[in-house]
Each structure stands twice: as structure tokens, then as C-alpha cells.
Amino acid sequence: GQEVGVSDWIEIDQARINAFADCTEDHQFIHVDPEAAATTPFGGTI
């Protein structure tokens, strides 16, 4: 019932997102196309 630990911060940069997209073959624009993703409510890639 108690908190047992907190990890360090991990940066989620575009290079990491692109590498994950390549590994999983999930290249949906919201992840890998900053220009197209900028037009969504997210304002950029996620």
C-alpha cells in the first residue's frame, strides 16, 4: 500500500519516437510527421 520508488526522468524525443515506429512498423503521422501533426489538437507529434 506504500510508494516503493520513483524512477529518473526519461526524455521522449523525436528520434526515440521514430525508432519505436520503425521497430513496431507503426508510422501513423501523429507520431512521425511533425508538419502534419502540428495541424492536430496536439500541436505536434506524440
All heavy atoms as atom14 arrays in JSON, in Angstrom:
{
  "sequence": "GQEVGVSDWIEIDQARINAFADCTEDHQFIHVDPEAAATTPFGGTI",
  "atom14_mask": [
    [1, 1, 1, 1, 0, 0, 0, 0, 0, 0, 0, 0, 0, 0],
    [1, 1, 1, 1, 1, 1, 1, 1, 1, 0, 0, 0, 0, 0],
    [1, 1, 1, 1, 1, 1, 1, 1, 1, 0, 0, 0, 0, 0],
    [1, 1, 1, 1, 1, 1, 1, 0, 0, 0, 0, 0, 0, 0],
    [1, 1, 1, 1, 0, 0, 0, 0, 0, 0, 0, 0, 0, 0],
    [1, 1, 1, 1, 1, 1, 1, 0, 0, 0, 0, 0, 0, 0],
    [1, 1, 1, 1, 1, 1, 0, 0, 0, 0, 0, 0, 0, 0],
    [1, 1, 1, 1, 1, 1, 1, 1, 0, 0, 0, 0, 0, 0],
    [1, 1, 1, 1, 1, 1, 1, 1, 1, 1, 1, 1, 1, 1],
    [1, 1, 1, 1, 1, 1, 1, 1, 0, 0, 0, 0, 0, 0],
    [1, 1, 1, 1, 1, 1, 1, 1, 1, 0, 0, 0, 0, 0],
    [1, 1, 1, 1, 1, 1, 1, 1, 0, 0, 0, 0, 0, 0],
    [1, 1, 1, 1, 1, 1, 1, 1, 0, 0, 0, 0, 0, 0],
    [1, 1, 1, 1, 1, 1, 1, 1, 1, 0, 0, 0, 0, 0],
    [1, 1, 1, 1, 1, 0, 0, 0, 0, 0, 0, 0, 0, 0],
    [1, 1, 1, 1, 1, 1, 1, 1, 1, 1, 1, 0, 0, 0],
    [1, 1, 1, 1, 1, 1, 1, 1, 0, 0, 0, 0, 0, 0],
    [1, 1, 1, 1, 1, 1, 1, 1, 0, 0, 0, 0, 0, 0],
    [1, 1, 1, 1, 1, 0, 0, 0, 0, 0, 0, 0, 0, 0],
    [1, 1, 1, 1, 1, 1, 1, 1, 1, 1, 1, 0, 0, 0],
    [1, 1, 1, 1, 1, 0, 0, 0, 0, 0, 0, 0, 0, 0],
    [1, 1, 1, 1, 1, 1, 1, 1, 0, 0, 0, 0, 0, 0],
    [1, 1, 1, 1, 1, 1, 0, 0, 0, 0, 0, 0, 0, 0],
    [1, 1, 1, 1, 1, 1, 1, 0, 0, 0, 0, 0, 0, 0],
    [1, 1, 1, 1, 1, 1, 1, 1, 1, 0, 0, 0, 0, 0],
    [1, 1, 1, 1, 1, 1, 1, 1, 0, 0, 0, 0, 0, 0],
    [1, 1, 1, 1, 1, 1, 1, 1, 1, 1, 0, 0, 0, 0],
    [1, 1, 1, 1, 1, 1, 1, 1, 1, 0, 0, 0, 0, 0],
    [1, 1, 1, 1, 1, 1, 1, 1, 1, 1, 1, 0, 0, 0],
    [1, 1, 1, 1, 1, 1, 1, 1, 0, 0, 0, 0, 0, 0],
    [1, 1, 1, 1, 1, 1, 1, 1, 1, 1, 0, 0, 0, 0],
    [1, 1, 1, 1, 1, 1, 1, 0, 0, 0, 0, 0, 0, 0],
    [1, 1, 1, 1, 1, 1, 1, 1, 0, 0, 0, 0, 0, 0],
    [1, 1, 1, 1, 1, 1, 1, 0, 0, 0, 0, 0, 0, 0],
    [1, 1, 1, 1, 1, 1, 1, 1, 1, 0, 0, 0, 0, 0],
    [1, 1, 1, 1, 1, 0, 0, 0, 0, 0, 0, 0, 0, 0],
    [1, 1, 1, 1, 1, 0, 0, 0, 0, 0, 0, 0, 0, 0],
    [1, 1, 1, 1, 1, 0, 0, 0, 0, 0, 0, 0, 0, 0],
    [1, 1, 1, 1, 1, 1, 1, 0, 0, 0, 0, 0, 0, 0],
    [1, 1, 1, 1, 1, 1, 1, 0, 0, 0, 0, 0, 0, 0],
    [1, 1, 1, 1, 1, 1, 1, 0, 0, 0, 0, 0, 0, 0],
    [1, 1, 1, 1, 1, 1, 1, 1, 1, 1, 1, 0, 0, 0],
    [1, 1, 1, 1, 0, 0, 0, 0, 0, 0, 0, 0, 0, 0],
    [1, 1, 1, 1, 0, 0, 0, 0, 0, 0, 0, 0, 0, 0],
    [1, 1, 1, 1, 1, 1, 1, 0, 0, 0, 0, 0, 0, 0],
    [1, 1, 1, 1, 1, 1, 1, 1, 0, 0, 0, 0, 0, 0]
  ],
  "atom14_positions": [
    [[0.79, -1.22, 0.0], [0.0, 0.0, 0.0], [0.83, 1.27, 0.0], [0.27, 2.36, 0.02], [0.0, 0.0, 0.0], [0.0, 0.0, 0.0], [0.0, 0.0, 0.0], [0.0, 0.0, 0.0], [0.0, 0.0, 0.0], [0.0, 0.0, 0.0], [0.0, 0.0, 0.0], [0.0, 0.0, 0.0], [0.0, 0.0, 0.0], [0.0, 0.0, 0.0]],
    [[2.15, 1.14, -0.03], [3.03, 2.31, 0.03], [3.76, 2.53, -1.29], [3.97, 1.6, -2.06], [4.08, 2.12, 1.13], [3.51, 1.98, 2.51], [4.6, 1.69, 3.53], [5.74, 2.09, 3.37], [4.24, 0.99, 4.59], [0.0, 0.0, 0.0], [0.0, 0.0, 0.0], [0.0, 0.0, 0.0], [0.0, 0.0, 0.0], [0.0, 0.0, 0.0]],
    [[4.16, 3.78, -1.5], [5.04, 4.06, -2.62], [6.4, 3.45, -2.32], [6.95, 3.66, -1.24], [5.17, 5.57, -2.82], [6.01, 5.92, -4.02], [6.03, 7.42, -4.29], [5.0, 7.94, -4.77], [7.07, 8.05, -4.0], [0.0, 0.0, 0.0], [0.0, 0.0, 0.0], [0.0, 0.0, 0.0], [0.0, 0.0, 0.0], [0.0, 0.0, 0.0]],
    [[6.94, 2.69, -3.28], [8.2, 2.0, -3.06], [9.34, 2.56, -3.89], [10.49, 2.18, -3.7], [8.06, 0.47, -3.29], [7.15, -0.14, -2.22], [7.55, 0.16, -4.69], [0.0, 0.0, 0.0], [0.0, 0.0, 0.0], [0.0, 0.0, 0.0], [0.0, 0.0, 0.0], [0.0, 0.0, 0.0], [0.0, 0.0, 0.0], [0.0, 0.0, 0.0]],
    [[9.04, 3.46, -4.84], [10.12, 4.04, -5.61], [9.64, 4.93, -6.74], [8.5, 4.81, -7.19], [0.0, 0.0, 0.0], [0.0, 0.0, 0.0], [0.0, 0.0, 0.0], [0.0, 0.0, 0.0], [0.0, 0.0, 0.0], [0.0, 0.0, 0.0], [0.0, 0.0, 0.0], [0.0, 0.0, 0.0], [0.0, 0.0, 0.0], [0.0, 0.0, 0.0]],
    [[10.54, 5.82, -7.16], [10.29, 6.73, -8.27], [11.52, 6.69, -9.17], [12.65, 6.82, -8.68], [10.03, 8.17, -7.79], [9.8, 9.11, -8.96], [8.85, 8.21, -6.83], [0.0, 0.0, 0.0], [0.0, 0.0, 0.0], [0.0, 0.0, 0.0], [0.0, 0.0, 0.0], [0.0, 0.0, 0.0], [0.0, 0.0, 0.0], [0.0, 0.0, 0.0]],
    [[11.32, 6.52, -10.46], [12.44, 6.44, -11.39], [12.97, 7.82, -11.75], [12.36, 8.85, -11.42], [12.01, 5.72, -12.67], [11.21, 6.57, -13.48], [0.0, 0.0, 0.0], [0.0, 0.0, 0.0], [0.0, 0.0, 0.0], [0.0, 0.0, 0.0], [0.0, 0.0, 0.0], [0.0, 0.0, 0.0], [0.0, 0.0, 0.0], [0.0, 0.0, 0.0]],
    [[14.08, 7.83, -12.45], [14.61, 9.06, -13.04], [13.72, 9.46, -14.22], [12.96, 8.64, -14.75], [16.03, 8.85, -13.55], [17.04, 8.57, -12.43], [16.77, 8.96, -11.28], [18.08, 7.96, -12.73], [0.0, 0.0, 0.0], [0.0, 0.0, 0.0], [0.0, 0.0, 0.0], [0.0, 0.0, 0.0], [0.0, 0.0, 0.0], [0.0, 0.0, 0.0]],
    [[13.87, 10.7, -14.65], [13.16, 11.17, -15.84], [13.81, 10.58, -17.09], [15.03, 10.42, -17.16], [13.22, 12.7, -15.93], [12.43, 13.39, -14.86], [12.92, 14.01, -13.76], [11.0, 13.53, -14.8], [11.88, 14.54, -13.0], [10.69, 14.25, -13.62], [9.95, 13.1, -15.61], [9.39, 14.57, -13.25], [8.65, 13.42, -15.24], [8.38, 14.13, -14.08]],
    [[12.97, 10.27, -18.08], [13.41, 9.76, -19.38], [12.87, 10.68, -20.46], [11.66, 10.94, -20.51], [12.89, 8.32, -19.63], [13.41, 7.36, -18.54], [13.28, 7.84, -21.02], [12.76, 5.98, -18.6], [0.0, 0.0, 0.0], [0.0, 0.0, 0.0], [0.0, 0.0, 0.0], [0.0, 0.0, 0.0], [0.0, 0.0, 0.0], [0.0, 0.0, 0.0]],
    [[13.75, 11.16, -21.32], [13.32, 12.07, -22.39], [12.71, 11.28, -23.55], [13.25, 10.26, -23.97], [14.5, 12.9, -22.91], [14.04, 13.92, -23.93], [15.13, 14.86, -24.39], [16.24, 14.82, -23.83], [14.86, 15.64, -25.32], [0.0, 0.0, 0.0], [0.0, 0.0, 0.0], [0.0, 0.0, 0.0], [0.0, 0.0, 0.0], [0.0, 0.0, 0.0]],
    [[11.59, 11.79, -24.03], [10.91, 11.2, -25.18], [11.1, 12.16, -26.36], [10.23, 13.0, -26.63], [9.4, 10.98, -24.9], [9.18, 10.25, -23.59], [8.76, 10.24, -26.07], [9.73, 8.86, -23.54], [0.0, 0.0, 0.0], [0.0, 0.0, 0.0], [0.0, 0.0, 0.0], [0.0, 0.0, 0.0], [0.0, 0.0, 0.0], [0.0, 0.0, 0.0]],
    [[12.24, 12.05, -27.02], [12.5, 12.94, -28.15], [12.01, 12.29, -29.46], [11.6, 11.13, -29.49], [13.97, 13.33, -28.23], [14.91, 12.15, -28.39], [14.45, 11.02, -28.7], [16.12, 12.34, -28.21], [0.0, 0.0, 0.0], [0.0, 0.0, 0.0], [0.0, 0.0, 0.0], [0.0, 0.0, 0.0], [0.0, 0.0, 0.0], [0.0, 0.0, 0.0]],
    [[12.03, 13.07, -30.52], [11.52, 12.59, -31.8], [12.32, 11.4, -32.32], [11.76, 10.48, -32.93], [11.49, 13.71, -32.85], [10.73, 13.35, -34.11], [9.25, 13.04, -33.85], [8.56, 13.82, -33.22], [8.78, 11.9, -34.33], [0.0, 0.0, 0.0], [0.0, 0.0, 0.0], [0.0, 0.0, 0.0], [0.0, 0.0, 0.0], [0.0, 0.0, 0.0]],
    [[13.62, 11.38, -32.08], [14.44, 10.25, -32.52], [13.99, 8.95, -31.87], [13.92, 7.9, -32.53], [15.91, 10.52, -32.22], [0.0, 0.0, 0.0], [0.0, 0.0, 0.0], [0.0, 0.0, 0.0], [0.0, 0.0, 0.0], [0.0, 0.0, 0.0], [0.0, 0.0, 0.0], [0.0, 0.0, 0.0], [0.0, 0.0, 0.0], [0.0, 0.0, 0.0]],
    [[13.65, 8.99, -30.57], [13.17, 7.79, -29.87], [11.82, 7.35, -30.44], [11.56, 6.16, -30.65], [13.05, 8.07, -28.38], [12.7, 6.85, -27.54], [12.47, 7.2, -26.08], [13.63, 7.73, -25.41], [14.45, 7.02, -24.65], [14.25, 5.73, -24.45], [15.47, 7.61, -24.05], [0.0, 0.0, 0.0], [0.0, 0.0, 0.0], [0.0, 0.0, 0.0]],
    [[10.95, 8.32, -30.7], [9.63, 8.01, -31.27], [9.8, 7.38, -32.65], [9.15, 6.37, -32.97], [8.76, 9.28, -31.33], [8.43, 9.77, -29.91], [7.49, 9.03, -32.13], [7.8, 11.15, -29.85], [0.0, 0.0, 0.0], [0.0, 0.0, 0.0], [0.0, 0.0, 0.0], [0.0, 0.0, 0.0], [0.0, 0.0, 0.0], [0.0, 0.0, 0.0]],
    [[10.67, 7.94, -33.47], [10.9, 7.39, -34.82], [11.47, 5.99, -34.76], [11.07, 5.11, -35.54], [11.83, 8.3, -35.62], [11.19, 9.63, -35.97], [9.98, 9.82, -35.87], [12.03, 10.58, -36.37], [0.0, 0.0, 0.0], [0.0, 0.0, 0.0], [0.0, 0.0, 0.0], [0.0, 0.0, 0.0], [0.0, 0.0, 0.0], [0.0, 0.0, 0.0]],
    [[12.4, 5.74, -33.84], [12.99, 4.41, -33.7], [11.92, 3.4, -33.28], [11.89, 2.27, -33.78], [14.14, 4.44, -32.69], [0.0, 0.0, 0.0], [0.0, 0.0, 0.0], [0.0, 0.0, 0.0], [0.0, 0.0, 0.0], [0.0, 0.0, 0.0], [0.0, 0.0, 0.0], [0.0, 0.0, 0.0], [0.0, 0.0, 0.0], [0.0, 0.0, 0.0]],
    [[11.05, 3.81, -32.37], [9.96, 2.91, -31.95], [9.02, 2.63, -33.13], [8.59, 1.5, -33.33], [9.2, 3.52, -30.77], [8.22, 2.58, -30.14], [8.64, 1.66, -29.18], [6.87, 2.6, -30.49], [7.75, 0.78, -28.6], [5.97, 1.73, -29.91], [6.41, 0.81, -28.96], [0.0, 0.0, 0.0], [0.0, 0.0, 0.0], [0.0, 0.0, 0.0]],
    [[8.72, 3.66, -33.9], [7.87, 3.47, -35.08], [8.5, 2.47, -36.04], [7.8, 1.61, -36.6], [7.65, 4.81, -35.79], [0.0, 0.0, 0.0], [0.0, 0.0, 0.0], [0.0, 0.0, 0.0], [0.0, 0.0, 0.0], [0.0, 0.0, 0.0], [0.0, 0.0, 0.0], [0.0, 0.0, 0.0], [0.0, 0.0, 0.0], [0.0, 0.0, 0.0]],
    [[9.81, 2.55, -36.23], [10.5, 1.6, -37.11], [10.43, 0.18, -36.56], [10.2, -0.76, -37.3], [11.96, 2.01, -37.31], [12.1, 3.27, -38.17], [11.13, 3.64, -38.88], [13.19, 3.88, -38.12], [0.0, 0.0, 0.0], [0.0, 0.0, 0.0], [0.0, 0.0, 0.0], [0.0, 0.0, 0.0], [0.0, 0.0, 0.0], [0.0, 0.0, 0.0]],
    [[10.61, 0.03, -35.25], [10.57, -1.31, -34.63], [9.19, -1.94, -34.73], [9.07, -3.14, -34.93], [10.97, -1.24, -33.17], [12.71, -0.95, -32.9], [0.0, 0.0, 0.0], [0.0, 0.0, 0.0], [0.0, 0.0, 0.0], [0.0, 0.0, 0.0], [0.0, 0.0, 0.0], [0.0, 0.0, 0.0], [0.0, 0.0, 0.0], [0.0, 0.0, 0.0]],
    [[8.16, -1.14, -34.55], [6.79, -1.67, -34.5], [6.05, -1.55, -35.82], [4.93, -2.05, -35.93], [5.98, -0.94, -33.42], [5.93, 0.45, -33.74], [6.6, -1.15, -32.04], [0.0, 0.0, 0.0], [0.0, 0.0, 0.0], [0.0, 0.0, 0.0], [0.0, 0.0, 0.0], [0.0, 0.0, 0.0], [0.0, 0.0, 0.0], [0.0, 0.0, 0.0]],
    [[6.66, -0.86, -36.77], [6.03, -0.59, -38.07], [4.74, 0.21, -37.93], [3.82, 0.07, -38.74], [5.83, -1.89, -38.86], [7.15, -2.6, -39.15], [7.02, -3.83, -40.01], [5.97, -4.02, -40.67], [7.99, -4.6, -40.03], [0.0, 0.0, 0.0], [0.0, 0.0, 0.0], [0.0, 0.0, 0.0], [0.0, 0.0, 0.0], [0.0, 0.0, 0.0]],
    [[4.69, 1.03, -36.9], [3.56, 1.93, -36.68], [4.02, 3.34, -36.99], [4.56, 4.04, -36.14], [3.07, 1.82, -35.24], [1.89, 2.74, -34.94], [1.51, 3.55, -35.81], [1.36, 2.66, -33.81], [0.0, 0.0, 0.0], [0.0, 0.0, 0.0], [0.0, 0.0, 0.0], [0.0, 0.0, 0.0], [0.0, 0.0, 0.0], [0.0, 0.0, 0.0]],
    [[3.81, 3.75, -38.24], [4.27, 5.06, -38.71], [3.13, 6.04, -38.88], [3.17, 6.9, -39.75], [5.05, 4.9, -40.03], [6.33, 4.16, -39.87], [6.43, 2.81, -40.09], [7.55, 4.58, -39.48], [7.67, 2.42, -39.85], [8.38, 3.48, -39.48], [0.0, 0.0, 0.0], [0.0, 0.0, 0.0], [0.0, 0.0, 0.0], [0.0, 0.0, 0.0]],
    [[2.11, 5.94, -38.03], [1.0, 6.88, -38.11], [1.56, 8.31, -38.01], [2.44, 8.6, -37.2], [-0.01, 6.62, -36.99], [-1.23, 7.51, -37.09], [-2.19, 7.31, -35.93], [-1.77, 7.04, -34.82], [-3.47, 7.44, -36.22], [0.0, 0.0, 0.0], [0.0, 0.0, 0.0], [0.0, 0.0, 0.0], [0.0, 0.0, 0.0], [0.0, 0.0, 0.0]],
    [[1.01, 9.2, -38.82], [1.55, 10.55, -38.93], [1.63, 11.29, -37.6], [2.53, 12.1, -37.38], [0.74, 11.38, -39.94], [-0.53, 11.96, -39.39], [-0.55, 13.25, -38.86], [-1.71, 11.22, -39.37], [-1.71, 13.78, -38.33], [-2.87, 11.75, -38.86], [-2.89, 13.04, -38.33], [0.0, 0.0, 0.0], [0.0, 0.0, 0.0], [0.0, 0.0, 0.0]],
    [[0.72, 11.02, -36.69], [0.7, 11.73, -35.41], [1.98, 11.5, -34.61], [2.35, 12.27, -33.74], [-0.56, 11.36, -34.58], [-0.77, 12.35, -33.44], [-0.47, 9.95, -34.05], [-1.15, 13.73, -33.89], [0.0, 0.0, 0.0], [0.0, 0.0, 0.0], [0.0, 0.0, 0.0], [0.0, 0.0, 0.0], [0.0, 0.0, 0.0], [0.0, 0.0, 0.0]],
    [[2.7, 10.41, -34.96], [3.94, 10.08, -34.27], [5.19, 10.55, -35.03], [6.16, 10.95, -34.4], [4.05, 8.56, -34.06], [2.89, 7.97, -33.35], [2.5, 8.38, -32.08], [2.03, 6.99, -33.7], [1.45, 7.67, -31.7], [1.14, 6.82, -32.67], [0.0, 0.0, 0.0], [0.0, 0.0, 0.0], [0.0, 0.0, 0.0], [0.0, 0.0, 0.0]],
    [[5.14, 10.5, -36.36], [6.4, 10.66, -37.12], [6.44, 11.83, -38.09], [7.49, 12.08, -38.69], [6.74, 9.35, -37.87], [6.96, 8.21, -36.89], [5.66, 9.0, -38.88], [0.0, 0.0, 0.0], [0.0, 0.0, 0.0], [0.0, 0.0, 0.0], [0.0, 0.0, 0.0], [0.0, 0.0, 0.0], [0.0, 0.0, 0.0], [0.0, 0.0, 0.0]],
    [[5.34, 12.54, -38.26], [5.31, 13.65, -39.22], [5.01, 14.95, -38.48], [3.83, 15.32, -38.3], [4.26, 13.37, -40.3], [4.24, 14.41, -41.41], [4.76, 15.54, -41.21], [3.69, 14.1, -42.49], [0.0, 0.0, 0.0], [0.0, 0.0, 0.0], [0.0, 0.0, 0.0], [0.0, 0.0, 0.0], [0.0, 0.0, 0.0], [0.0, 0.0, 0.0]],
    [[6.05, 15.67, -38.04], [5.82, 16.88, -37.25], [4.96, 17.92, -37.96], [4.14, 18.59, -37.31], [7.24, 17.42, -37.0], [8.11, 16.22, -37.08], [7.49, 15.34, -38.13], [0.0, 0.0, 0.0], [0.0, 0.0, 0.0], [0.0, 0.0, 0.0], [0.0, 0.0, 0.0], [0.0, 0.0, 0.0], [0.0, 0.0, 0.0], [0.0, 0.0, 0.0]],
    [[5.09, 18.06, -39.27], [4.31, 19.06, -40.0], [2.82, 18.72, -39.98], [1.98, 19.56, -39.67], [4.82, 19.17, -41.44], [4.2, 20.31, -42.22], [4.84, 20.45, -43.59], [6.06, 20.69, -43.66], [4.09, 20.32, -44.59], [0.0, 0.0, 0.0], [0.0, 0.0, 0.0], [0.0, 0.0, 0.0], [0.0, 0.0, 0.0], [0.0, 0.0, 0.0]],
    [[2.49, 17.48, -40.3], [1.08, 17.06, -40.29], [0.52, 17.04, -38.86], [-0.61, 17.44, -38.62], [0.93, 15.69, -40.94], [0.0, 0.0, 0.0], [0.0, 0.0, 0.0], [0.0, 0.0, 0.0], [0.0, 0.0, 0.0], [0.0, 0.0, 0.0], [0.0, 0.0, 0.0], [0.0, 0.0, 0.0], [0.0, 0.0, 0.0], [0.0, 0.0, 0.0]],
    [[1.34, 16.59, -37.91], [0.89, 16.52, -36.52], [0.64, 17.9, -35.93], [-0.2, 18.06, -35.03], [1.92, 15.76, -35.68], [0.0, 0.0, 0.0], [0.0, 0.0, 0.0], [0.0, 0.0, 0.0], [0.0, 0.0, 0.0], [0.0, 0.0, 0.0], [0.0, 0.0, 0.0], [0.0, 0.0, 0.0], [0.0, 0.0, 0.0], [0.0, 0.0, 0.0]],
    [[1.31, 18.91, -36.46], [1.13, 20.28, -35.97], [-0.29, 20.79, -36.22], [-0.76, 21.69, -35.53], [2.15, 21.21, -36.61], [0.0, 0.0, 0.0], [0.0, 0.0, 0.0], [0.0, 0.0, 0.0], [0.0, 0.0, 0.0], [0.0, 0.0, 0.0], [0.0, 0.0, 0.0], [0.0, 0.0, 0.0], [0.0, 0.0, 0.0], [0.0, 0.0, 0.0]],
    [[-0.99, 20.2, -37.19], [-2.35, 20.64, -37.52], [-3.42, 19.96, -36.66], [-4.59, 20.26, -36.78], [-2.67, 20.36, -39.01], [-2.73, 18.94, -39.22], [-1.63, 20.99, -39.92], [0.0, 0.0, 0.0], [0.0, 0.0, 0.0], [0.0, 0.0, 0.0], [0.0, 0.0, 0.0], [0.0, 0.0, 0.0], [0.0, 0.0, 0.0], [0.0, 0.0, 0.0]],
    [[-3.0, 19.04, -35.79], [-3.94, 18.32, -34.93], [-4.12, 19.07, -33.61], [-3.34, 19.98, -33.3], [-3.44, 16.9, -34.62], [-2.31, 16.98, -33.75], [-3.08, 16.15, -35.91], [0.0, 0.0, 0.0], [0.0, 0.0, 0.0], [0.0, 0.0, 0.0], [0.0, 0.0, 0.0], [0.0, 0.0, 0.0], [0.0, 0.0, 0.0], [0.0, 0.0, 0.0]],
    [[-5.09, 18.67, -32.81], [-5.25, 19.31, -31.49], [-4.02, 19.15, -30.58], [-3.87, 19.92, -29.63], [-6.45, 18.57, -30.89], [-7.22, 18.08, -32.07], [-6.19, 17.76, -33.12], [0.0, 0.0, 0.0], [0.0, 0.0, 0.0], [0.0, 0.0, 0.0], [0.0, 0.0, 0.0], [0.0, 0.0, 0.0], [0.0, 0.0, 0.0], [0.0, 0.0, 0.0]],
    [[-3.13, 18.19, -30.87], [-1.93, 18.01, -30.06], [-0.87, 19.05, -30.39], [0.05, 19.27, -29.61], [-1.36, 16.6, -30.23], [-2.33, 15.52, -29.84], [-2.67, 14.54, -30.74], [-2.91, 15.49, -28.58], [-3.56, 13.54, -30.4], [-3.79, 14.5, -28.22], [-4.13, 13.52, -29.14], [0.0, 0.0, 0.0], [0.0, 0.0, 0.0], [0.0, 0.0, 0.0]],
    [[-0.94, 19.64, -31.57], [0.01, 20.69, -31.95], [1.4, 20.19, -32.31], [2.32, 20.99, -32.45], [0.0, 0.0, 0.0], [0.0, 0.0, 0.0], [0.0, 0.0, 0.0], [0.0, 0.0, 0.0], [0.0, 0.0, 0.0], [0.0, 0.0, 0.0], [0.0, 0.0, 0.0], [0.0, 0.0, 0.0], [0.0, 0.0, 0.0], [0.0, 0.0, 0.0]],
    [[1.57, 18.89, -32.41], [2.86, 18.3, -32.74], [2.81, 16.8, -32.54], [1.77, 16.24, -32.21], [0.0, 0.0, 0.0], [0.0, 0.0, 0.0], [0.0, 0.0, 0.0], [0.0, 0.0, 0.0], [0.0, 0.0, 0.0], [0.0, 0.0, 0.0], [0.0, 0.0, 0.0], [0.0, 0.0, 0.0], [0.0, 0.0, 0.0], [0.0, 0.0, 0.0]],
    [[3.94, 16.17, -32.76], [3.98, 14.71, -32.65], [3.87, 14.27, -31.18], [4.25, 14.99, -30.26], [5.26, 14.13, -33.27], [6.39, 14.75, -32.67], [5.29, 14.34, -34.77], [0.0, 0.0, 0.0], [0.0, 0.0, 0.0], [0.0, 0.0, 0.0], [0.0, 0.0, 0.0], [0.0, 0.0, 0.0], [0.0, 0.0, 0.0], [0.0, 0.0, 0.0]],
    [[3.34, 13.06, -31.03], [3.22, 12.44, -29.7], [3.82, 11.04, -29.76], [3.88, 10.41, -30.81], [1.75, 12.37, -29.24], [0.9, 11.57, -30.22], [1.18, 13.77, -29.02], [-0.51, 11.25, -29.72], [0.0, 0.0, 0.0], [0.0, 0.0, 0.0], [0.0, 0.0, 0.0], [0.0, 0.0, 0.0], [0.0, 0.0, 0.0], [0.0, 0.0, 0.0]]
  ]
}
